[in-house]
Each structure stands twice: as structure tokens, then as C-alpha cells.
Amino acid sequence: QVQLVESGGGRVQAGGSLTLSCEASGITSEKYAMGWFRQAPGKEREFVAAINWGGDSISYSRHVNGRFTISRDNAKNTVDLQMSSLKPEDSAVYFCAAEDSPSPTEGFPSWWGRGTQVTVSS
């Protein structure tokens, strides 16, 4: 059974930094894509970032481009999201995501984590 477990959420001041981590388990495919989504209260879940298995193809939402960095460690089955210059509008539940494909497809993702709260205060 596939499990994605996020960690590292918390509360920070605007302009601060925070790093989220996600550990995957139970994924049968040798190569799989991973990424992050977020959802604020009363709003739809939105894409944040994604990374392919090889770590050489990365995409970001325009809302976070230049401030967030996604990376992965396949030996540890983890993906991280380094967040800097945080803004109050970044406050949301952040969800780890993965897909049974070397690179994200139109159907990305296949699996979701339970989410971790990030709160940015002004």
C-alpha cells in the first residue's frame, strides 16, 4: 500500500523560510515522479511544484517560482520543498504527491499524502 508522509510544517513570519519533507513507501514502480500541492481554506487545491525521477526536470507554479525549490533523494525515497521569502498567501495545507511514472503525466498525481499545515504570519 502506497503511503506519503509529510513533515516539517509549522508557523513562520513573513519573509522567513521553511522546508517540508515527504517520505514515500509502498510504490512498486522503480521510477516515479513526485511533487507538491497546497490548499488554503475555502480555496481549491493548487499545484506547487513537481520533479521527475531523475531530478533533471522540474516545474513550479508561477506563484512560487524563484522562492521555492523542490528536490529529491531517491536513496531515501524522499522529496523536499524548500520555501523562502514566505508570504501570508503561502499559508495552506501542503500535500505531497507522487505518480507511478518516471515523469508527471496529465493525470498527475496517482497518490496523495495527508498534508502538513504551513502558516505564514505578517
N, C-alpha and C. Protein backbone atom coordinates (compact mmCIF):
# COMPACT_ATOMS: atom_id res chain seq x y z
N GLN A 1 0.83 -1.17 0.00
CA GLN A 1 0.00 0.00 0.00
C GLN A 1 0.88 1.25 0.00
N VAL A 2 0.58 2.19 -0.89
CA VAL A 2 1.37 3.40 -1.02
C VAL A 2 1.06 4.38 0.10
N GLN A 3 2.12 4.93 0.68
CA GLN A 3 1.96 5.95 1.71
C GLN A 3 2.93 7.09 1.46
N LEU A 4 2.44 8.30 1.61
CA LEU A 4 3.24 9.51 1.51
C LEU A 4 3.05 10.28 2.80
N VAL A 5 4.13 10.50 3.53
CA VAL A 5 4.03 11.14 4.83
C VAL A 5 4.84 12.43 4.85
N GLU A 6 4.13 13.55 5.02
CA GLU A 6 4.77 14.86 5.06
C GLU A 6 5.22 15.21 6.47
N SER A 7 6.22 16.09 6.54
CA SER A 7 6.70 16.60 7.81
C SER A 7 7.33 17.97 7.58
N GLY A 8 7.53 18.72 8.64
CA GLY A 8 8.21 19.99 8.55
C GLY A 8 7.32 21.21 8.54
N GLY A 9 6.02 21.01 8.55
CA GLY A 9 5.11 22.15 8.56
C GLY A 9 5.20 22.90 9.87
N GLY A 10 4.72 24.14 9.85
CA GLY A 10 4.75 24.95 11.05
C GLY A 10 4.35 26.37 10.76
N ARG A 11 4.69 27.25 11.70
CA ARG A 11 4.34 28.66 11.59
C ARG A 11 5.60 29.51 11.51
N VAL A 12 5.62 30.45 10.56
CA VAL A 12 6.77 31.34 10.38
C VAL A 12 6.29 32.74 10.08
N GLN A 13 7.17 33.71 10.29
CA GLN A 13 6.88 35.09 9.96
C GLN A 13 7.07 35.32 8.47
N ALA A 14 6.35 36.28 7.93
CA ALA A 14 6.52 36.65 6.53
C ALA A 14 7.98 36.97 6.26
N GLY A 15 8.49 36.48 5.14
CA GLY A 15 9.88 36.67 4.79
C GLY A 15 10.78 35.55 5.28
N GLY A 16 10.24 34.67 6.10
CA GLY A 16 11.01 33.58 6.64
C GLY A 16 11.09 32.39 5.71
N SER A 17 11.71 31.32 6.21
CA SER A 17 11.92 30.11 5.42
C SER A 17 11.45 28.88 6.17
N LEU A 18 11.13 27.86 5.41
CA LEU A 18 10.68 26.60 5.98
C LEU A 18 10.91 25.51 4.95
N THR A 19 11.28 24.32 5.40
CA THR A 19 11.49 23.20 4.50
C THR A 19 10.57 22.05 4.85
N LEU A 20 9.82 21.58 3.87
CA LEU A 20 8.94 20.44 4.03
C LEU A 20 9.61 19.19 3.48
N SER A 21 9.29 18.05 4.07
CA SER A 21 9.82 16.78 3.60
C SER A 21 8.68 15.79 3.44
N CYS A 22 8.89 14.82 2.56
CA CYS A 22 7.90 13.78 2.34
C CYS A 22 8.62 12.47 2.08
N GLU A 23 8.22 11.44 2.80
CA GLU A 23 8.79 10.12 2.60
C GLU A 23 7.75 9.20 1.98
N ALA A 24 8.12 8.55 0.89
CA ALA A 24 7.23 7.64 0.19
C ALA A 24 7.56 6.20 0.53
N SER A 25 6.53 5.36 0.56
CA SER A 25 6.72 3.94 0.79
C SER A 25 5.64 3.17 0.04
N GLY A 26 5.93 1.94 -0.31
CA GLY A 26 4.96 1.08 -0.95
C GLY A 26 4.77 1.28 -2.44
N ILE A 27 5.58 2.12 -3.07
CA ILE A 27 5.46 2.35 -4.51
C ILE A 27 6.22 1.24 -5.24
N THR A 28 5.50 0.50 -6.07
CA THR A 28 6.07 -0.65 -6.76
C THR A 28 7.02 -0.25 -7.88
N SER A 29 6.66 0.76 -8.64
CA SER A 29 7.48 1.20 -9.77
C SER A 29 8.86 1.64 -9.31
N GLU A 30 9.87 1.28 -10.09
CA GLU A 30 11.24 1.65 -9.76
C GLU A 30 11.45 3.15 -9.89
N LYS A 31 10.76 3.76 -10.85
CA LYS A 31 10.90 5.19 -11.11
C LYS A 31 9.54 5.87 -11.03
N TYR A 32 9.47 6.94 -10.24
CA TYR A 32 8.20 7.64 -10.08
C TYR A 32 8.43 9.13 -9.88
N ALA A 33 7.47 9.91 -10.36
CA ALA A 33 7.52 11.36 -10.21
C ALA A 33 6.95 11.77 -8.86
N MET A 34 7.36 12.94 -8.39
CA MET A 34 6.84 13.45 -7.12
C MET A 34 6.59 14.95 -7.22
N GLY A 35 5.83 15.47 -6.28
CA GLY A 35 5.55 16.88 -6.30
C GLY A 35 4.80 17.34 -5.07
N TRP A 36 4.39 18.61 -5.12
CA TRP A 36 3.68 19.23 -4.01
C TRP A 36 2.50 20.04 -4.50
N PHE A 37 1.41 19.97 -3.77
CA PHE A 37 0.23 20.80 -3.97
C PHE A 37 -0.09 21.49 -2.66
N ARG A 38 -0.96 22.49 -2.70
CA ARG A 38 -1.37 23.15 -1.47
C ARG A 38 -2.83 23.58 -1.57
N GLN A 39 -3.46 23.72 -0.42
CA GLN A 39 -4.86 24.12 -0.38
C GLN A 39 -5.11 24.99 0.84
N ALA A 40 -5.60 26.20 0.59
CA ALA A 40 -5.96 27.12 1.65
C ALA A 40 -7.45 26.97 1.94
N PRO A 41 -7.90 27.33 3.14
CA PRO A 41 -9.32 27.21 3.49
C PRO A 41 -10.21 27.94 2.49
N GLY A 42 -11.25 27.26 2.01
CA GLY A 42 -12.19 27.86 1.09
C GLY A 42 -11.70 27.97 -0.34
N LYS A 43 -10.52 27.45 -0.63
CA LYS A 43 -9.97 27.52 -1.97
C LYS A 43 -9.68 26.14 -2.53
N GLU A 44 -9.55 26.07 -3.84
CA GLU A 44 -9.24 24.81 -4.49
C GLU A 44 -7.77 24.43 -4.29
N ARG A 45 -7.51 23.15 -4.33
CA ARG A 45 -6.14 22.68 -4.25
C ARG A 45 -5.39 23.11 -5.51
N GLU A 46 -4.17 23.61 -5.33
CA GLU A 46 -3.40 24.09 -6.47
C GLU A 46 -2.02 23.46 -6.52
N PHE A 47 -1.52 23.35 -7.73
CA PHE A 47 -0.20 22.80 -7.98
C PHE A 47 0.88 23.75 -7.48
N VAL A 48 1.93 23.19 -6.90
CA VAL A 48 3.05 23.99 -6.41
C VAL A 48 4.33 23.68 -7.17
N ALA A 49 4.71 22.41 -7.21
CA ALA A 49 5.96 22.02 -7.86
C ALA A 49 5.96 20.52 -8.14
N ALA A 50 6.75 20.11 -9.12
CA ALA A 50 6.89 18.69 -9.44
C ALA A 50 8.30 18.42 -9.93
N ILE A 51 8.73 17.17 -9.78
CA ILE A 51 10.07 16.78 -10.18
C ILE A 51 10.05 15.34 -10.69
N ASN A 52 10.78 15.08 -11.77
CA ASN A 52 10.82 13.74 -12.32
C ASN A 52 11.77 12.86 -11.53
N TRP A 53 11.79 11.57 -11.87
CA TRP A 53 12.62 10.62 -11.15
C TRP A 53 14.09 11.02 -11.17
N GLY A 54 14.58 11.43 -12.33
CA GLY A 54 15.99 11.77 -12.47
C GLY A 54 16.37 13.09 -11.81
N GLY A 55 15.39 13.89 -11.44
CA GLY A 55 15.67 15.17 -10.79
C GLY A 55 16.16 16.25 -11.74
N ASP A 56 16.09 16.00 -13.03
CA ASP A 56 16.58 16.97 -14.01
C ASP A 56 15.46 17.67 -14.78
N SER A 57 14.22 17.43 -14.39
CA SER A 57 13.08 18.11 -15.00
C SER A 57 12.16 18.58 -13.87
N ILE A 58 12.06 19.89 -13.71
CA ILE A 58 11.34 20.48 -12.59
C ILE A 58 10.38 21.55 -13.08
N SER A 59 9.23 21.63 -12.47
CA SER A 59 8.28 22.67 -12.80
C SER A 59 7.73 23.30 -11.53
N TYR A 60 7.41 24.60 -11.61
CA TYR A 60 6.88 25.34 -10.48
C TYR A 60 5.66 26.15 -10.88
N SER A 61 4.78 26.36 -9.93
CA SER A 61 3.71 27.32 -10.12
C SER A 61 4.33 28.71 -10.22
N ARG A 62 3.74 29.56 -11.02
CA ARG A 62 4.25 30.93 -11.15
C ARG A 62 4.19 31.67 -9.82
N HIS A 63 3.32 31.23 -8.92
CA HIS A 63 3.16 31.89 -7.63
C HIS A 63 4.35 31.66 -6.70
N VAL A 64 5.12 30.60 -6.96
CA VAL A 64 6.23 30.27 -6.07
C VAL A 64 7.57 30.25 -6.77
N ASN A 65 7.57 30.35 -8.07
CA ASN A 65 8.81 30.32 -8.84
C ASN A 65 9.79 31.39 -8.36
N GLY A 66 11.02 30.95 -8.08
CA GLY A 66 12.03 31.87 -7.59
C GLY A 66 12.14 31.90 -6.09
N ARG A 67 11.14 31.37 -5.40
CA ARG A 67 11.14 31.37 -3.94
C ARG A 67 11.20 29.96 -3.35
N PHE A 68 10.64 29.00 -4.08
CA PHE A 68 10.61 27.61 -3.61
C PHE A 68 11.56 26.76 -4.44
N THR A 69 12.10 25.71 -3.83
CA THR A 69 12.96 24.77 -4.52
C THR A 69 12.57 23.35 -4.16
N ILE A 70 12.30 22.54 -5.18
CA ILE A 70 11.96 21.14 -4.95
C ILE A 70 13.17 20.28 -5.25
N SER A 71 13.38 19.25 -4.46
CA SER A 71 14.49 18.33 -4.65
C SER A 71 14.09 16.95 -4.15
N ARG A 72 14.86 15.94 -4.51
CA ARG A 72 14.54 14.59 -4.05
C ARG A 72 15.80 13.78 -3.80
N ASP A 73 15.64 12.77 -2.97
CA ASP A 73 16.71 11.84 -2.66
C ASP A 73 16.13 10.45 -2.84
N ASN A 74 16.42 9.85 -3.98
CA ASN A 74 15.81 8.56 -4.31
C ASN A 74 16.30 7.43 -3.41
N ALA A 75 17.50 7.57 -2.87
CA ALA A 75 18.01 6.56 -1.96
C ALA A 75 17.20 6.52 -0.68
N LYS A 76 16.61 7.66 -0.32
CA LYS A 76 15.80 7.77 0.89
C LYS A 76 14.31 7.79 0.59
N ASN A 77 13.94 7.77 -0.68
CA ASN A 77 12.54 7.84 -1.10
C ASN A 77 11.86 9.10 -0.57
N THR A 78 12.57 10.22 -0.65
CA THR A 78 12.04 11.47 -0.12
C THR A 78 12.06 12.59 -1.16
N VAL A 79 11.18 13.54 -0.95
CA VAL A 79 11.16 14.76 -1.73
C VAL A 79 11.01 15.91 -0.75
N ASP A 80 11.76 16.99 -0.98
CA ASP A 80 11.73 18.15 -0.11
C ASP A 80 11.21 19.37 -0.86
N LEU A 81 10.70 20.31 -0.12
CA LEU A 81 10.28 21.59 -0.68
C LEU A 81 10.85 22.68 0.21
N GLN A 82 11.89 23.35 -0.28
CA GLN A 82 12.50 24.45 0.43
C GLN A 82 11.75 25.73 0.08
N MET A 83 11.21 26.39 1.08
CA MET A 83 10.42 27.58 0.88
C MET A 83 11.11 28.77 1.54
N SER A 84 11.28 29.84 0.79
CA SER A 84 11.91 31.04 1.30
C SER A 84 11.08 32.25 0.91
N SER A 85 11.40 33.39 1.52
CA SER A 85 10.65 34.63 1.26
C SER A 85 9.15 34.38 1.34
N LEU A 86 8.75 33.67 2.37
CA LEU A 86 7.36 33.27 2.50
C LEU A 86 6.43 34.46 2.69
N LYS A 87 5.25 34.34 2.11
CA LYS A 87 4.23 35.37 2.17
C LYS A 87 2.98 34.81 2.85
N PRO A 88 2.15 35.68 3.44
CA PRO A 88 0.92 35.20 4.06
C PRO A 88 0.06 34.37 3.11
N GLU A 89 0.06 34.69 1.83
CA GLU A 89 -0.72 33.94 0.87
C GLU A 89 -0.18 32.54 0.60
N ASP A 90 0.99 32.23 1.14
CA ASP A 90 1.52 30.87 1.04
C ASP A 90 0.92 29.96 2.10
N SER A 91 0.21 30.53 3.05
CA SER A 91 -0.41 29.73 4.11
C SER A 91 -1.40 28.74 3.51
N ALA A 92 -1.24 27.48 3.85
CA ALA A 92 -2.09 26.42 3.31
C ALA A 92 -1.68 25.09 3.90
N VAL A 93 -2.49 24.08 3.63
CA VAL A 93 -2.07 22.71 3.89
C VAL A 93 -1.31 22.24 2.66
N TYR A 94 -0.10 21.79 2.85
CA TYR A 94 0.74 21.34 1.75
C TYR A 94 0.70 19.82 1.66
N PHE A 95 0.38 19.33 0.46
CA PHE A 95 0.24 17.90 0.23
C PHE A 95 1.36 17.36 -0.65
N CYS A 96 1.98 16.30 -0.22
CA CYS A 96 2.93 15.58 -1.04
C CYS A 96 2.16 14.73 -2.05
N ALA A 97 2.73 14.55 -3.24
CA ALA A 97 2.07 13.79 -4.29
C ALA A 97 3.10 12.97 -5.06
N ALA A 98 2.63 11.87 -5.65
CA ALA A 98 3.50 11.02 -6.45
C ALA A 98 2.70 10.33 -7.54
N GLU A 99 3.40 9.87 -8.58
CA GLU A 99 2.76 9.15 -9.68
C GLU A 99 3.65 8.01 -10.12
N ASP A 100 3.03 6.91 -10.51
CA ASP A 100 3.73 5.72 -10.97
C ASP A 100 4.18 5.90 -12.42
N SER A 101 5.07 6.86 -12.62
CA SER A 101 5.60 7.20 -13.93
C SER A 101 6.90 7.97 -13.71
N PRO A 102 7.92 7.77 -14.56
CA PRO A 102 9.19 8.48 -14.37
C PRO A 102 9.02 10.00 -14.37
N SER A 103 8.08 10.50 -15.17
CA SER A 103 7.79 11.93 -15.24
C SER A 103 6.30 12.15 -15.04
N PRO A 104 5.90 13.34 -14.55
CA PRO A 104 4.47 13.62 -14.36
C PRO A 104 3.70 13.54 -15.67
N THR A 105 2.51 12.98 -15.62
CA THR A 105 1.64 12.91 -16.78
C THR A 105 0.44 13.82 -16.57
N GLU A 106 -0.46 13.83 -17.56
CA GLU A 106 -1.67 14.66 -17.45
C GLU A 106 -2.52 14.24 -16.25
N GLY A 107 -2.38 13.01 -15.83
CA GLY A 107 -3.15 12.52 -14.71
C GLY A 107 -2.46 12.66 -13.36
N PHE A 108 -1.33 13.32 -13.32
CA PHE A 108 -0.58 13.51 -12.08
C PHE A 108 -1.44 14.17 -11.02
N PRO A 109 -1.44 13.72 -9.79
CA PRO A 109 -0.68 12.57 -9.30
C PRO A 109 -1.55 11.31 -9.17
N SER A 110 -0.92 10.21 -8.81
CA SER A 110 -1.63 8.97 -8.55
C SER A 110 -1.97 8.83 -7.07
N TRP A 111 -1.08 9.38 -6.22
CA TRP A 111 -1.24 9.22 -4.78
C TRP A 111 -1.01 10.54 -4.05
N TRP A 112 -1.66 10.66 -2.89
CA TRP A 112 -1.56 11.87 -2.06
C TRP A 112 -1.14 11.55 -0.64
N GLY A 113 -0.42 12.48 -0.04
CA GLY A 113 -0.17 12.41 1.38
C GLY A 113 -1.32 13.04 2.12
N ARG A 114 -1.28 13.02 3.44
CA ARG A 114 -2.36 13.58 4.23
C ARG A 114 -2.25 15.08 4.43
N GLY A 115 -1.07 15.64 4.20
CA GLY A 115 -0.89 17.08 4.27
C GLY A 115 -0.24 17.55 5.56
N THR A 116 0.41 18.71 5.47
CA THR A 116 1.02 19.35 6.63
C THR A 116 0.74 20.85 6.56
N GLN A 117 0.39 21.44 7.69
CA GLN A 117 -0.01 22.84 7.73
C GLN A 117 1.19 23.78 7.71
N VAL A 118 1.11 24.81 6.87
CA VAL A 118 2.09 25.89 6.84
C VAL A 118 1.34 27.19 7.05
N THR A 119 1.74 27.94 8.07
CA THR A 119 1.10 29.21 8.37
C THR A 119 2.14 30.31 8.36
N VAL A 120 1.90 31.33 7.55
CA VAL A 120 2.81 32.47 7.44
C VAL A 120 2.10 33.70 7.97
N SER A 121 2.63 34.28 9.02
CA SER A 121 2.02 35.44 9.64
C SER A 121 2.72 36.73 9.22
N SER A 122 1.97 37.81 9.17
CA SER A 122 2.51 39.10 8.78
C SER A 122 2.90 39.93 9.98
